[in-house]
PDB file of N, CA and C in Angstrom:
ATOM      1  N   UNK A   1      78.874  74.188 130.494  1.00  0.00           N
ATOM      2  CA  UNK A   1      78.279  74.160 131.801  1.00  0.00           C
ATOM      3  C   UNK A   1      76.897  73.512 131.725  1.00  0.00           C
ATOM      4  N   UNK A   2      76.148  73.763 130.699  1.00  0.00           N
ATOM      5  CA  UNK A   2      74.829  73.174 130.541  1.00  0.00           C
ATOM      6  C   UNK A   2      74.923  71.653 130.388  1.00  0.00           C
ATOM      7  N   UNK A   3      75.906  71.189 129.621  1.00  0.00           N
ATOM      8  CA  UNK A   3      76.044  69.741 129.430  1.00  0.00           C
ATOM      9  C   UNK A   3      76.429  69.047 130.737  1.00  0.00           C
ATOM     10  N   UNK A   4      77.205  69.694 131.613  1.00  0.00           N
ATOM     11  CA  UNK A   4      77.535  69.110 132.922  1.00  0.00           C
ATOM     12  C   UNK A   4      76.287  68.948 133.780  1.00  0.00           C
ATOM     13  N   UNK A   5      75.407  69.939 133.738  1.00  0.00           N
ATOM     14  CA  UNK A   5      74.163  69.865 134.513  1.00  0.00           C
ATOM     15  C   UNK A   5      73.296  68.724 134.012  1.00  0.00           C
ATOM     16  N   UNK A   6      73.219  68.529 132.709  1.00  0.00           N
ATOM     17  CA  UNK A   6      72.431  67.435 132.147  1.00  0.00           C
ATOM     18  C   UNK A   6      73.036  66.092 132.546  1.00  0.00           C
ATOM     19  N   UNK A   7      74.351  65.978 132.526  1.00  0.00           N
ATOM     20  CA  UNK A   7      74.992  64.726 132.921  1.00  0.00           C
ATOM     21  C   UNK A   7      74.696  64.409 134.394  1.00  0.00           C
ATOM     22  N   UNK A   8      74.695  65.396 135.260  1.00  0.00           N
ATOM     23  CA  UNK A   8      74.414  65.169 136.675  1.00  0.00           C
ATOM     24  C   UNK A   8      72.983  64.695 136.878  1.00  0.00           C
ATOM     25  N   UNK A   9      72.065  65.302 136.137  1.00  0.00           N
ATOM     26  CA  UNK A   9      70.673  64.875 136.245  1.00  0.00           C
ATOM     27  C   UNK A   9      70.534  63.421 135.809  1.00  0.00           C
ATOM     28  N   UNK A  10      71.196  63.058 134.731  1.00  0.00           N
ATOM     29  CA  UNK A  10      71.127  61.687 134.244  1.00  0.00           C
ATOM     30  C   UNK A  10      71.722  60.713 135.256  1.00  0.00           C
ATOM     31  N   UNK A  11      72.785  61.099 135.937  1.00  0.00           N
ATOM     32  CA  UNK A  11      73.401  60.216 136.913  1.00  0.00           C
ATOM     33  C   UNK A  11      72.509  60.048 138.135  1.00  0.00           C
ATOM     34  N   UNK A  12      71.832  61.108 138.533  1.00  0.00           N
ATOM     35  CA  UNK A  12      70.998  61.033 139.728  1.00  0.00           C
ATOM     36  C   UNK A  12      69.767  60.159 139.483  1.00  0.00           C
ATOM     37  N   UNK A  13      69.112  60.344 138.372  1.00  0.00           N
ATOM     38  CA  UNK A  13      67.874  59.605 138.126  1.00  0.00           C
ATOM     39  C   UNK A  13      68.131  58.219 137.575  1.00  0.00           C
ATOM     40  N   UNK A  14      69.302  57.992 137.023  1.00  0.00           N
ATOM     41  CA  UNK A  14      69.694  56.706 136.495  1.00  0.00           C
ATOM     42  C   UNK A  14      68.757  56.203 135.386  1.00  0.00           C
ATOM     43  N   UNK A  15      68.239  57.102 134.631  1.00  0.00           N
ATOM     44  CA  UNK A  15      67.412  56.750 133.484  1.00  0.00           C
ATOM     45  C   UNK A  15      68.252  56.871 132.227  1.00  0.00           C
ATOM     46  N   UNK A  16      67.890  56.111 131.262  1.00  0.00           N
ATOM     47  CA  UNK A  16      68.554  56.235 129.974  1.00  0.00           C
ATOM     48  C   UNK A  16      67.666  57.128 129.110  1.00  0.00           C
ATOM     49  N   UNK A  17      68.221  58.281 128.742  1.00  0.00           N
ATOM     50  CA  UNK A  17      67.475  59.269 127.965  1.00  0.00           C
ATOM     51  C   UNK A  17      68.253  59.589 126.699  1.00  0.00           C
ATOM     52  N   UNK A  18      67.546  59.692 125.654  1.00  0.00           N
ATOM     53  CA  UNK A  18      68.157  60.094 124.399  1.00  0.00           C
ATOM     54  C   UNK A  18      67.883  61.588 124.207  1.00  0.00           C
ATOM     55  N   UNK A  19      68.935  62.345 124.041  1.00  0.00           N
ATOM     56  CA  UNK A  19      68.812  63.796 123.870  1.00  0.00           C
ATOM     57  C   UNK A  19      69.253  64.198 122.462  1.00  0.00           C
ATOM     58  N   UNK A  20      68.541  65.165 121.945  1.00  0.00           N
ATOM     59  CA  UNK A  20      68.912  65.703 120.635  1.00  0.00           C
ATOM     60  C   UNK A  20      69.083  67.209 120.778  1.00  0.00           C
ATOM     61  N   UNK A  21      70.271  67.679 120.400  1.00  0.00           N
ATOM     62  CA  UNK A  21      70.571  69.107 120.497  1.00  0.00           C
ATOM     63  C   UNK A  21      70.677  69.705 119.100  1.00  0.00           C
ATOM     64  N   UNK A  22      70.152  70.881 118.977  1.00  0.00           N
ATOM     65  CA  UNK A  22      70.345  71.657 117.757  1.00  0.00           C
ATOM     66  C   UNK A  22      71.169  72.880 118.141  1.00  0.00           C
ATOM     67  N   UNK A  23      72.291  73.010 117.517  1.00  0.00           N
ATOM     68  CA  UNK A  23      73.182  74.118 117.829  1.00  0.00           C
ATOM     69  C   UNK A  23      73.235  75.047 116.626  1.00  0.00           C
ATOM     70  N   UNK A  24      72.864  76.276 116.875  1.00  0.00           N
ATOM     71  CA  UNK A  24      73.000  77.292 115.836  1.00  0.00           C
ATOM     72  C   UNK A  24      74.362  77.947 116.014  1.00  0.00           C
ATOM     73  N   UNK A  25      75.245  77.651 115.122  1.00  0.00           N
ATOM     74  CA  UNK A  25      76.595  78.206 115.202  1.00  0.00           C
ATOM     75  C   UNK A  25      76.785  79.228 114.099  1.00  0.00           C
ATOM     76  N   UNK A  26      77.398  80.292 114.447  1.00  0.00           N
ATOM     77  CA  UNK A  26      77.737  81.315 113.467  1.00  0.00           C
ATOM     78  C   UNK A  26      79.173  81.084 113.047  1.00  0.00           C
ATOM     79  N   UNK A  27      79.345  80.919 111.776  1.00  0.00           N
ATOM     80  CA  UNK A  27      80.698  80.716 111.253  1.00  0.00           C
ATOM     81  C   UNK A  27      81.452  82.029 111.379  1.00  0.00           C
ATOM     82  N   UNK A  28      82.453  82.013 112.197  1.00  0.00           N
ATOM     83  CA  UNK A  28      83.198  83.245 112.423  1.00  0.00           C
ATOM     84  C   UNK A  28      84.385  83.327 111.467  1.00  0.00           C
ATOM     85  N   UNK A  29      84.051  83.308 110.181  1.00  0.00           N
ATOM     86  CA  UNK A  29      85.078  83.447 109.162  1.00  0.00           C
ATOM     87  C   UNK A  29      85.623  84.863 109.222  1.00  0.00           C
ATOM     88  N   UNK A  30      86.874  84.973 109.391  1.00  0.00           N
ATOM     89  CA  UNK A  30      87.502  86.284 109.509  1.00  0.00           C
ATOM     90  C   UNK A  30      88.322  86.536 108.256  1.00  0.00           C
ATOM     91  N   UNK A  31      87.926  87.548 107.515  1.00  0.00           N
ATOM     92  CA  UNK A  31      88.648  87.895 106.296  1.00  0.00           C
ATOM     93  C   UNK A  31      89.411  89.180 106.535  1.00  0.00           C
ATOM     94  N   UNK A  32      90.693  89.149 106.321  1.00  0.00           N
ATOM     95  CA  UNK A  32      91.512  90.336 106.458  1.00  0.00           C
ATOM     96  C   UNK A  32      91.746  90.921 105.082  1.00  0.00           C
ATOM     97  N   UNK A  33      91.293  92.158 104.911  1.00  0.00           N
ATOM     98  CA  UNK A  33      91.442  92.850 103.634  1.00  0.00           C
ATOM     99  C   UNK A  33      92.913  93.208 103.440  1.00  0.00           C
ATOM    100  N   UNK A  34      93.542  92.575 102.466  1.00  0.00           N
ATOM    101  CA  UNK A  34      94.944  92.848 102.179  1.00  0.00           C
ATOM    102  C   UNK A  34      95.131  93.381 100.766  1.00  0.00           C
ATOM    103  N   UNK A  35      94.029  93.703 100.112  1.00  0.00           N
ATOM    104  CA  UNK A  35      94.084  94.164  98.727  1.00  0.00           C
ATOM    105  C   UNK A  35      94.012  95.685  98.706  1.00  0.00           C
ATOM    106  N   UNK A  36      94.988  96.302  98.043  1.00  0.00           N
ATOM    107  CA  UNK A  36      94.989  97.754  97.914  1.00  0.00           C
ATOM    108  C   UNK A  36      93.818  98.206  97.060  1.00  0.00           C
ATOM    109  N   UNK A  37      93.287  99.390  97.356  1.00  0.00           N
ATOM    110  CA  UNK A  37      92.280  99.940  96.461  1.00  0.00           C
ATOM    111  C   UNK A  37      92.941 100.352  95.153  1.00  0.00           C
ATOM    112  N   UNK A  38      92.138 100.713  94.169  1.00  0.00           N
ATOM    113  CA  UNK A  38      92.685 101.242  92.919  1.00  0.00           C
ATOM    114  C   UNK A  38      92.356 102.718  92.860  1.00  0.00           C
ATOM    115  N   UNK A  39      93.196 103.479  92.150  1.00  0.00           N
ATOM    116  CA  UNK A  39      92.980 104.923  92.036  1.00  0.00           C
ATOM    117  C   UNK A  39      93.364 105.378  90.637  1.00  0.00           C
ATOM    118  N   UNK A  40      92.601 106.327  90.121  1.00  0.00           N
ATOM    119  CA  UNK A  40      92.895 106.924  88.819  1.00  0.00           C
ATOM    120  C   UNK A  40      92.937 108.432  89.001  1.00  0.00           C
ATOM    121  N   UNK A  41      94.111 109.017  88.789  1.00  0.00           N
ATOM    122  CA  UNK A  41      94.290 110.455  88.949  1.00  0.00           C
ATOM    123  C   UNK A  41      93.801 111.204  87.712  1.00  0.00           C
ATOM    124  N   UNK A  42      93.547 112.512  87.882  1.00  0.00           N
ATOM    125  CA  UNK A  42      93.248 113.330  86.711  1.00  0.00           C
ATOM    126  C   UNK A  42      94.470 113.388  85.794  1.00  0.00           C
ATOM    127  N   UNK A  43      94.249 113.803  84.565  1.00  0.00           N
ATOM    128  CA  UNK A  43      95.366 114.006  83.629  1.00  0.00           C
ATOM    129  C   UNK A  43      96.198 115.193  84.084  1.00  0.00           C
ATOM    130  N   UNK A  44      97.416 115.295  83.536  1.00  0.00           N
ATOM    131  CA  UNK A  44      98.254 116.448  83.836  1.00  0.00           C
ATOM    132  C   UNK A  44      97.507 117.724  83.468  1.00  0.00           C
ATOM    133  N   UNK A  45      97.778 118.793  84.219  1.00  0.00           N
ATOM    134  CA  UNK A  45      97.073 120.063  84.038  1.00  0.00           C
ATOM    135  C   UNK A  45      98.084 121.150  83.687  1.00  0.00           C
ATOM    136  N   UNK A  46      97.784 121.937  82.666  1.00  0.00           N
ATOM    137  CA  UNK A  46      98.576 123.120  82.343  1.00  0.00           C
ATOM    138  C   UNK A  46      97.614 124.301  82.338  1.00  0.00           C
ATOM    139  N   UNK A  47      97.885 125.277  83.187  1.00  0.00           N
ATOM    140  CA  UNK A  47      96.984 126.415  83.345  1.00  0.00           C
ATOM    141  C   UNK A  47      97.771 127.713  83.430  1.00  0.00           C
ATOM    142  N   UNK A  48      97.051 128.817  83.335  1.00  0.00           N
ATOM    143  CA  UNK A  48      97.684 130.123  83.486  1.00  0.00           C
ATOM    144  C   UNK A  48      97.451 130.735  84.855  1.00  0.00           C
ATOM    145  N   UNK A  49      96.273 130.584  85.475  1.00  0.00           N
ATOM    146  CA  UNK A  49      96.165 131.124  86.840  1.00  0.00           C
ATOM    147  C   UNK A  49      96.925 130.216  87.799  1.00  0.00           C
ATOM    148  N   UNK A  50      97.413 130.796  88.889  1.00  0.00           N
ATOM    149  CA  UNK A  50      98.225 129.996  89.804  1.00  0.00           C
ATOM    150  C   UNK A  50      97.389 129.215  90.817  1.00  0.00           C
ATOM    151  N   UNK A  51      96.106 129.559  90.979  1.00  0.00           N
ATOM    152  CA  UNK A  51      95.240 128.775  91.855  1.00  0.00           C
ATOM    153  C   UNK A  51      94.571 127.719  90.991  1.00  0.00           C
ATOM    154  N   UNK A  52      94.817 126.447  91.323  1.00  0.00           N
ATOM    155  CA  UNK A  52      94.407 125.351  90.454  1.00  0.00           C
ATOM    156  C   UNK A  52      93.453 124.414  91.185  1.00  0.00           C
ATOM    157  N   UNK A  53      92.359 124.067  90.514  1.00  0.00           N
ATOM    158  CA  UNK A  53      91.392 123.102  91.058  1.00  0.00           C
ATOM    159  C   UNK A  53      91.235 121.955  90.077  1.00  0.00           C
ATOM    160  N   UNK A  54      90.910 120.777  90.590  1.00  0.00           N
ATOM    161  CA  UNK A  54      90.687 119.608  89.750  1.00  0.00           C
ATOM    162  C   UNK A  54      89.637 118.723  90.406  1.00  0.00           C
ATOM    163  N   UNK A  55      89.073 117.828  89.610  1.00  0.00           N
ATOM    164  CA  UNK A  55      88.122 116.849  90.136  1.00  0.00           C
ATOM    165  C   UNK A  55      88.883 115.809  90.939  1.00  0.00           C
ATOM    166  N   UNK A  56      88.253 115.324  91.975  1.00  0.00           N
ATOM    167  CA  UNK A  56      88.889 114.298  92.822  1.00  0.00           C
ATOM    168  C   UNK A  56      89.165 113.038  92.005  1.00  0.00           C
ATOM    169  N   UNK A  57      90.247 112.342  92.301  1.00  0.00           N
ATOM    170  CA  UNK A  57      90.533 111.079  91.619  1.00  0.00           C
ATOM    171  C   UNK A  57      89.425 110.058  91.880  1.00  0.00           C
ATOM    172  N   UNK A  58      89.301 109.090  90.997  1.00  0.00           N
ATOM    173  CA  UNK A  58      88.366 107.981  91.186  1.00  0.00           C
ATOM    174  C   UNK A  58      89.089 106.859  91.913  1.00  0.00           C
ATOM    175  N   UNK A  59      88.425 106.270  92.917  1.00  0.00           N
ATOM    176  CA  UNK A  59      89.029 105.165  93.662  1.00  0.00           C
ATOM    177  C   UNK A  59      87.990 104.071  93.897  1.00  0.00           C
ATOM    178  N   UNK A  60      88.434 102.824  93.861  1.00  0.00           N
ATOM    179  CA  UNK A  60      87.578 101.657  94.096  1.00  0.00           C
ATOM    180  C   UNK A  60      88.313 100.670  94.995  1.00  0.00           C
ATOM    181  N   UNK A  61      87.523  99.827  95.664  1.00  0.00           N
ATOM    182  CA  UNK A  61      88.102  98.800  96.526  1.00  0.00           C
ATOM    183  C   UNK A  61      87.253  97.534  96.423  1.00  0.00           C
ATOM    184  N   UNK A  62      87.876  96.382  96.683  1.00  0.00           N
ATOM    185  CA  UNK A  62      87.146  95.116  96.575  1.00  0.00           C
ATOM    186  C   UNK A  62      86.122  94.915  97.690  1.00  0.00           C
ATOM    187  N   UNK A  63      86.297  95.582  98.844  1.00  0.00           N
ATOM    188  CA  UNK A  63      85.357  95.428  99.958  1.00  0.00           C
ATOM    189  C   UNK A  63      84.660  96.716 100.375  1.00  0.00           C
ATOM    190  N   UNK A  64      85.397  97.785 100.431  1.00  0.00           N
ATOM    191  CA  UNK A  64      84.873  99.037 100.986  1.00  0.00           C
ATOM    192  C   UNK A  64      84.216  99.909  99.918  1.00  0.00           C
ATOM    193  N   UNK A  65      83.127 100.558 100.320  1.00  0.00           N
ATOM    194  CA  UNK A  65      82.477 101.492  99.405  1.00  0.00           C
ATOM    195  C   UNK A  65      82.924 102.921  99.683  1.00  0.00           C
ATOM    196  N   UNK A  66      83.341 103.191 100.885  1.00  0.00           N
ATOM    197  CA  UNK A  66      83.848 104.520 101.239  1.00  0.00           C
ATOM    198  C   UNK A  66      85.370 104.448 101.339  1.00  0.00           C
ATOM    199  N   UNK A  67      86.028 105.193 100.475  1.00  0.00           N
ATOM    200  CA  UNK A  67      87.487 105.194 100.442  1.00  0.00           C
ATOM    201  C   UNK A  67      87.958 106.622 100.670  1.00  0.00           C
ATOM    202  N   UNK A  68      88.907 106.785 101.578  1.00  0.00           N
ATOM    203  CA  UNK A  68      89.456 108.102 101.876  1.00  0.00           C
ATOM    204  C   UNK A  68      90.463 108.474 100.787  1.00  0.00           C
ATOM    205  N   UNK A  69      90.260 109.629 100.158  1.00  0.00           N
ATOM    206  CA  UNK A  69      91.177 110.110  99.113  1.00  0.00           C
ATOM    207  C   UNK A  69      91.730 111.458  99.553  1.00  0.00           C
ATOM    208  N   UNK A  70      93.045 111.554  99.551  1.00  0.00           N
ATOM    209  CA  UNK A  70      93.695 112.803  99.949  1.00  0.00           C
ATOM    210  C   UNK A  70      94.762 113.155  98.930  1.00  0.00           C
ATOM    211  N   UNK A  71      94.748 114.405  98.472  1.00  0.00           N
ATOM    212  CA  UNK A  71      95.760 114.883  97.518  1.00  0.00           C
ATOM    213  C   UNK A  71      96.621 115.945  98.180  1.00  0.00           C
ATOM    214  N   UNK A  72      97.921 115.891  97.899  1.00  0.00           N
ATOM    215  CA  UNK A  72      98.861 116.861  98.435  1.00  0.00           C
ATOM    216  C   UNK A  72      99.705 117.406  97.293  1.00  0.00           C
ATOM    217  N   UNK A  73      99.667 118.704  97.049  1.00  0.00           N
ATOM    218  CA  UNK A  73      98.790 119.711  97.632  1.00  0.00           C
ATOM    219  C   UNK A  73      97.345 119.483  97.201  1.00  0.00           C
ATOM    220  N   UNK A  74      96.412 120.100  97.925  1.00  0.00           N
ATOM    221  CA  UNK A  74      94.991 119.851  97.675  1.00  0.00           C
ATOM    222  C   UNK A  74      94.465 120.721  96.532  1.00  0.00           C
ATOM    223  N   UNK A  75      93.328 120.303  95.991  1.00  0.00           N
ATOM    224  CA  UNK A  75      92.667 121.065  94.935  1.00  0.00           C
ATOM    225  C   UNK A  75      92.345 122.453  95.466  1.00  0.00           C
ATOM    226  N   UNK A  76      92.568 123.463  94.645  1.00  0.00           N
ATOM    227  CA  UNK A  76      92.354 124.846  95.062  1.00  0.00           C
ATOM    228  C   UNK A  76      93.606 125.512  95.587  1.00  0.00           C
ATOM    229  N   UNK A  77      94.712 124.766  95.647  1.00  0.00           N
ATOM    230  CA  UNK A  77      95.979 125.329  96.127  1.00  0.00           C
ATOM    231  C   UNK A  77      96.549 126.293  95.093  1.00  0.00           C
ATOM    232  N   UNK A  78      97.425 127.168  95.561  1.00  0.00           N
ATOM    233  CA  UNK A  78      98.136 128.088  94.686  1.00  0.00           C
ATOM    234  C   UNK A  78      99.496 127.493  94.362  1.00  0.00           C
ATOM    235  N   UNK A  79      99.829 127.464  93.069  1.00  0.00           N
ATOM    236  CA  UNK A  79     101.082 126.889  92.603  1.00  0.00           C
ATOM    237  C   UNK A  79     101.982 128.003  92.072  1.00  0.00           C
ATOM    238  N   UNK A  80     103.291 127.763  92.100  1.00  0.00           N
ATOM    239  CA  UNK A  80     104.256 128.740  91.616  1.00  0.00           C
ATOM    240  C   UNK A  80     104.146 128.895  90.096  1.00  0.00           C
ATOM    241  N   UNK A  81     104.232 130.144  89.631  1.00  0.00           N
ATOM    242  CA  UNK A  81     104.170 130.443  88.205  1.00  0.00           C
ATOM    243  C   UNK A  81     105.471 130.008  87.543  1.00  0.00           C
ATOM    244  N   UNK A  82     105.374 129.535  86.322  1.00  0.00           N
ATOM    245  CA  UNK A  82     106.505 129.064  85.520  1.00  0.00           C
ATOM    246  C   UNK A  82     107.191 127.838  86.118  1.00  0.00           C
ATOM    247  N   UNK A  83     106.424 127.028  86.834  1.00  0.00           N
ATOM    248  CA  UNK A  83     106.975 125.806  87.402  1.00  0.00           C
ATOM    249  C   UNK A  83     105.986 124.657  87.204  1.00  0.00           C
ATOM    250  N   UNK A  84     106.543 123.456  87.221  1.00  0.00           N
ATOM    251  CA  UNK A  84     105.722 122.252  87.180  1.00  0.00           C
ATOM    252  C   UNK A  84     105.828 121.583  88.539  1.00  0.00           C
ATOM    253  N   UNK A  85     104.682 121.284  89.132  1.00  0.00           N
ATOM    254  CA  UNK A  85     104.633 120.667  90.462  1.00  0.00           C
ATOM    255  C   UNK A  85     103.955 119.308  90.371  1.00  0.00           C
ATOM    256  N   UNK A  86     104.346 118.415  91.248  1.00  0.00           N
ATOM    257  CA  UNK A  86     103.741 117.089  91.309  1.00  0.00           C
ATOM    258  C   UNK A  86     102.666 117.078  92.390  1.00  0.00           C
ATOM    259  N   UNK A  87     101.492 116.570  92.030  1.00  0.00           N
ATOM    260  CA  UNK A  87     100.413 116.360  93.001  1.00  0.00           C
ATOM    261  C   UNK A  87     100.347 114.853  93.250  1.00  0.00           C
ATOM    262  N   UNK A  88     100.382 114.461  94.516  1.00  0.00           N
ATOM    263  CA  UNK A  88     100.289 113.051  94.896  1.00  0.00           C
ATOM    264  C   UNK A  88      98.966 112.823  95.602  1.00  0.00           C
ATOM    265  N   UNK A  89      98.180 111.876  95.094  1.00  0.00           N
ATOM    266  CA  UNK A  89      96.892 111.526  95.699  1.00  0.00           C
ATOM    267  C   UNK A  89      96.987 110.109  96.258  1.00  0.00           C
ATOM    268  N   UNK A  90      96.453 109.925  97.447  1.00  0.00           N
ATOM    269  CA  UNK A  90      96.477 108.630  98.119  1.00  0.00           C
ATOM    270  C   UNK A  90      95.051 108.191  98.430  1.00  0.00           C
ATOM    271  N   UNK A  91      94.722 106.950  98.063  1.00  0.00           N
ATOM    272  CA  UNK A  91      93.432 106.350  98.400  1.00  0.00           C
ATOM    273  C   UNK A  91      93.689 105.291  99.470  1.00  0.00           C
ATOM    274  N   UNK A  92      92.919 105.355 100.564  1.00  0.00           N
ATOM    275  CA  UNK A  92      93.087 104.416 101.674  1.00  0.00           C
ATOM    276  C   UNK A  92      91.742 103.785 102.007  1.00  0.00           C
ATOM    277  N   UNK A  93      91.712 102.437 102.087  1.00  0.00           N
ATOM    278  CA  UNK A  93      90.468 101.752 102.439  1.00  0.00           C
ATOM    279  C   UNK A  93      90.362 101.611 103.957  1.00  0.00           C
ATOM    280  N   UNK A  94      89.261 101.027 104.440  1.00  0.00           N
ATOM    281  CA  UNK A  94      89.022 100.900 105.882  1.00  0.00           C
ATOM    282  C   UNK A  94      90.042 100.014 106.590  1.00  0.00           C
ATOM    283  N   UNK A  95      90.694  99.114 105.852  1.00  0.00           N
ATOM    284  CA  UNK A  95      91.696  98.228 106.453  1.00  0.00           C
ATOM    285  C   UNK A  95      93.075  98.879 106.510  1.00  0.00           C
ATOM    286  N   UNK A  96      93.190 100.093 105.974  1.00  0.00           N
ATOM    287  CA  UNK A  96      94.478 100.785 105.978  1.00  0.00           C
ATOM    288  C   UNK A  96      95.323 100.515 104.753  1.00  0.00           C
ATOM    289  N   UNK A  97      94.817  99.745 103.792  1.00  0.00           N
ATOM    290  CA  UNK A  97      95.542  99.520 102.543  1.00  0.00           C
ATOM    291  C   UNK A  97      95.482 100.803 101.723  1.00  0.00           C
ATOM    292  N   UNK A  98      96.592 101.160 101.098  1.00  0.00           N
ATOM    293  CA  UNK A  98      96.591 102.414 100.354  1.00  0.00           C
ATOM    294  C   UNK A  98      97.365 102.278  99.046  1.00  0.00           C
ATOM    295  N   UNK A  99      97.058 103.195  98.147  1.00  0.00           N
ATOM    296  CA  UNK A  99      97.715 103.258  96.855  1.00  0.00           C
ATOM    297  C   UNK A  99      97.815 104.733  96.463  1.00  0.00           C
ATOM    298  N   UNK A 100      98.863 105.072  95.720  1.00  0.00           N
ATOM    299  CA  UNK A 100      99.077 106.461  95.310  1.00  0.00           C
ATOM    300  C   UNK A 100      99.053 106.600  93.796  1.00  0.00           C
ATOM    301  N   UNK A 101      98.716 107.801  93.355  1.00  0.00           N
ATOM    302  CA  UNK A 101      98.900 108.169  91.958  1.00  0.00           C
ATOM    303  C   UNK A 101      99.378 109.616  91.946  1.00  0.00           C
ATOM    304  N   UNK A 102     100.000 110.002  90.859  1.00  0.00           N
ATOM    305  CA  UNK A 102     100.498 111.376  90.746  1.00  0.00           C
ATOM    306  C   UNK A 102     100.109 111.969  89.407  1.00  0.00           C
ATOM    307  N   UNK A 103     100.029 113.290  89.388  1.00  0.00           N
ATOM    308  CA  UNK A 103      99.876 114.016  88.137  1.00  0.00           C
ATOM    309  C   UNK A 103     100.598 115.350  88.288  1.00  0.00           C
ATOM    310  N   UNK A 104     100.874 115.973  87.164  1.00  0.00           N
ATOM    311  CA  UNK A 104     101.664 117.201  87.148  1.00  0.00           C
ATOM    312  C   UNK A 104     100.759 118.411  86.938  1.00  0.00           C
ATOM    313  N   UNK A 105     101.100 119.507  87.613  1.00  0.00           N
ATOM    314  CA  UNK A 105     100.424 120.782  87.417  1.00  0.00           C
ATOM    315  C   UNK A 105     101.481 121.781  86.968  1.00  0.00           C
ATOM    316  N   UNK A 106     101.285 122.326  85.779  1.00  0.00           N
ATOM    317  CA  UNK A 106     102.201 123.332  85.245  1.00  0.00           C
ATOM    318  C   UNK A 106     101.452 124.657  85.177  1.00  0.00           C
ATOM    319  N   UNK A 107     102.009 125.666  85.789  1.00  0.00           N
ATOM    320  CA  UNK A 107     101.409 126.997  85.765  1.00  0.00           C
ATOM    321  C   UNK A 107     102.311 127.897  84.932  1.00  0.00           C
ATOM    322  N   UNK A 108     101.759 128.412  83.839  1.00  0.00           N
ATOM    323  CA  UNK A 108     102.508 129.333  82.987  1.00  0.00           C
ATOM    324  C   UNK A 108     102.065 130.752  83.230  1.00  0.00           C
ATOM    325  N   UNK A 109     102.755 131.667  82.626  1.00  0.00           N
ATOM    326  CA  UNK A 109     102.340 133.067  82.704  1.00  0.00           C
ATOM    327  C   UNK A 109     101.190 133.268  81.730  1.00  0.00           C
ATOM    328  N   UNK A 110     100.313 134.159  82.087  1.00  0.00           N
ATOM    329  CA  UNK A 110      99.212 134.418  81.170  1.00  0.00           C
ATOM    330  C   UNK A 110      99.755 135.153  79.952  1.00  0.00           C
ATOM    331  N   UNK A 111      99.117 134.963  78.828  1.00  0.00           N
ATOM    332  CA  UNK A 111      99.537 135.598  77.587  1.00  0.00           C
ATOM    333  C   UNK A 111      99.530 137.108  77.737  1.00  0.00           C
ATOM    334  N   UNK A 112      98.539 137.637  78.414  1.00  0.00           N
ATOM    335  CA  UNK A 112      98.449 139.080  78.610  1.00  0.00           C
ATOM    336  C   UNK A 112      99.633 139.593  79.410  1.00  0.00           C
ATOM    337  N   UNK A 113      99.978 138.915  80.492  1.00  0.00           N
ATOM    338  CA  UNK A 113     101.074 139.378  81.353  1.00  0.00           C
ATOM    339  C   UNK A 113     102.402 139.308  80.630  1.00  0.00           C
ATOM    340  N   UNK A 114     102.585 138.336  79.760  1.00  0.00           N
ATOM    341  CA  UNK A 114     103.877 138.202  79.113  1.00  0.00           C
ATOM    342  C   UNK A 114     104.016 139.149  77.914  1.00  0.00           C
ATOM    343  N   UNK A 115     102.917 139.676  77.407  1.00  0.00           N
ATOM    344  CA  UNK A 115     102.987 140.552  76.236  1.00  0.00           C
ATOM    345  C   UNK A 115     102.889 142.028  76.571  1.00  0.00           C
ATOM    346  N   UNK A 116     102.466 142.388  77.749  1.00  0.00           N
ATOM    347  CA  UNK A 116     102.197 143.795  78.036  1.00  0.00           C
ATOM    348  C   UNK A 116     103.433 144.676  77.908  1.00  0.00           C
ATOM    349  N   UNK A 117     104.599 144.175  78.173  1.00  0.00           N
ATOM    350  CA  UNK A 117     105.791 145.018  78.085  1.00  0.00           C
ATOM    351  C   UNK A 117     106.181 145.293  76.634  1.00  0.00           C
ATOM    352  N   UNK A 118     105.607 144.575  75.688  1.00  0.00           N
ATOM    353  CA  UNK A 118     105.959 144.753  74.290  1.00  0.00           C
ATOM    354  C   UNK A 118     104.880 145.490  73.494  1.00  0.00           C
ATOM    355  N   UNK A 119     103.839 145.923  74.164  1.00  0.00           N
ATOM    356  CA  UNK A 119     102.745 146.597  73.465  1.00  0.00           C
ATOM    357  C   UNK A 119     102.994 148.089  73.390  1.00  0.00           C
ATOM    358  N   UNK A 120     102.629 148.649  72.283  1.00  0.00           N
ATOM    359  CA  UNK A 120     102.668 150.092  72.116  1.00  0.00           C
ATOM    360  C   UNK A 120     101.268 150.529  71.723  1.00  0.00           C
ATOM    361  N   UNK A 121     100.745 151.483  72.425  1.00  0.00           N
ATOM    362  CA  UNK A 121      99.403 151.948  72.142  1.00  0.00           C
ATOM    363  C   UNK A 121      99.448 152.997  71.035  1.00  0.00           C
ATOM    364  N   UNK A 122      98.647 152.801  70.037  1.00  0.00           N
ATOM    365  CA  UNK A 122      98.531 153.773  68.953  1.00  0.00           C
ATOM    366  C   UNK A 122      97.090 154.244  68.968  1.00  0.00           C
ATOM    367  N   UNK A 123      96.934 155.542  69.139  1.00  0.00           N
ATOM    368  CA  UNK A 123      95.595 156.107  69.208  1.00  0.00           C
ATOM    369  C   UNK A 123      95.373 156.973  67.971  1.00  0.00           C
ATOM    370  N   UNK A 124      94.314 156.720  67.265  1.00  0.00           N
ATOM    371  CA  UNK A 124      93.976 157.491  66.080  1.00  0.00           C
ATOM    372  C   UNK A 124      92.849 158.450  66.429  1.00  0.00           C
ATOM    373  N   UNK A 125      92.976 159.607  65.962  1.00  0.00           N
ATOM    374  CA  UNK A 125      91.929 160.610  66.158  1.00  0.00           C
ATOM    375  C   UNK A 125      91.329 160.866  64.794  1.00  0.00           C
ATOM    376  N   UNK A 126      90.144 160.366  64.535  1.00  0.00           N
ATOM    377  CA  UNK A 126      89.516 160.499  63.229  1.00  0.00           C
ATOM    378  C   UNK A 126      88.419 161.562  63.244  1.00  0.00           C
ATOM    379  N   UNK A 127      88.708 162.739  63.712  1.00  0.00           N
ATOM    380  CA  UNK A 127      87.690 163.791  63.695  1.00  0.00           C
ATOM    381  C   UNK A 127      87.593 164.442  62.387  1.00  0.00           C
TER     382      UNK A 127
END
């Protein structure tokens, strides 16, 4: 619209004018993040209590510094005794790219609980 106004002015006055324009253009390069983040899960866990906690997995991305990490079941969950369960952790970047890792949680019976039925108490009286 501005260039049309300048052309009209030039036609009306019939002068020959040399114009120099400087245009500041912003390069609208649009990059779509299509690269999945990376994730490293904790090592497999073998414990005796059924409530298990672990450190959050490490995750990195080529563009994002904040990556959403979610584990199912979550740290602090109670697991069944004498069973091995799979924990799946997912890291998702701001573009929605995601990657998963898994690790195993094995909950055993405590040594005390498994031995109590076989103990016999012997009391000595040394008076």
